[in-house]
Amino acid sequence: MSRSAGDRVRLGVVDDHDVVLVGVGAIARANPGVIAEFIPAGSVDELLADPAVPDVVLLDVNLADGTDVADSVRRLVERDLVVVLYTSDVRPVPIRRGIRAGARGVALKSDPADTLIDTVLDARAGDFAVSSELAHVLATDETLCARLAPRELEALRLLATGIPKKQLGRWMQPPVEVTTVNTYFNRIAQRYAELGRNVGNVYQALREAEADGHLDR
């Protein structure tokens, strides 16, 4: 099927909650002058298997099938689809991973329907689009979350599995000494302190990293 022409948009939505698909479908039907076709799917695989080709895809950031948001965005962008992250998740890290992978906007599920339509149209026009000030902050504010290095994240993820701090080094790949692990956590604490978020121990560091969304992958 060919793509839509003119100003009307074929809108795809990938979300594994029926209530979201029904809700966005209702918004699409209420805006026939803007939305030419509504293409719902419960997964990226399902959407890509549909013969209908959307112009813009609203992609849920946290799908229950375990797919990574960045991988999903890349798959859609490779098909020349415009992707807008559609989420109730206000953790900045997953959102920014999706943006770095090629998403062209962020729409929050809590924002009004008219802002969703505006976001879809802006993204299709080539702009980076957001549905609200909060969406803009989540996408762009560098003071909202700490930037952690890969080895620091590796140590945090191992800690999250229940491995004691003193044993983390031997589980890392390649293994490191306990003193090196201590250095990682000192750096993590420093990065959060720079944001005004005090981290007094490794478990507080883990809590802050989880709150930012660092440990999803």
Foldseek 3Di string as FASTA:
>chain_A
DDADDDQAWAEEEAAQDVVVLVVVVVLLVVCVVHHVHYHYYPHLVRSVPDPDDTQEYAYELDRPVLDHLLVSLLVQVVVVHAYEHEYQQLQLPSVQSNVVSPHQEYEYPPADSVLVSVQRSCSSVPHRGYSDPSRVCSHDPPLPAFDADPVLLQLLLVVVVVDDLCCSQVVDVVRDHSVVSVVSVVVLQVRVVVSVQHDDDSVSSSVRCVSNVVNSD
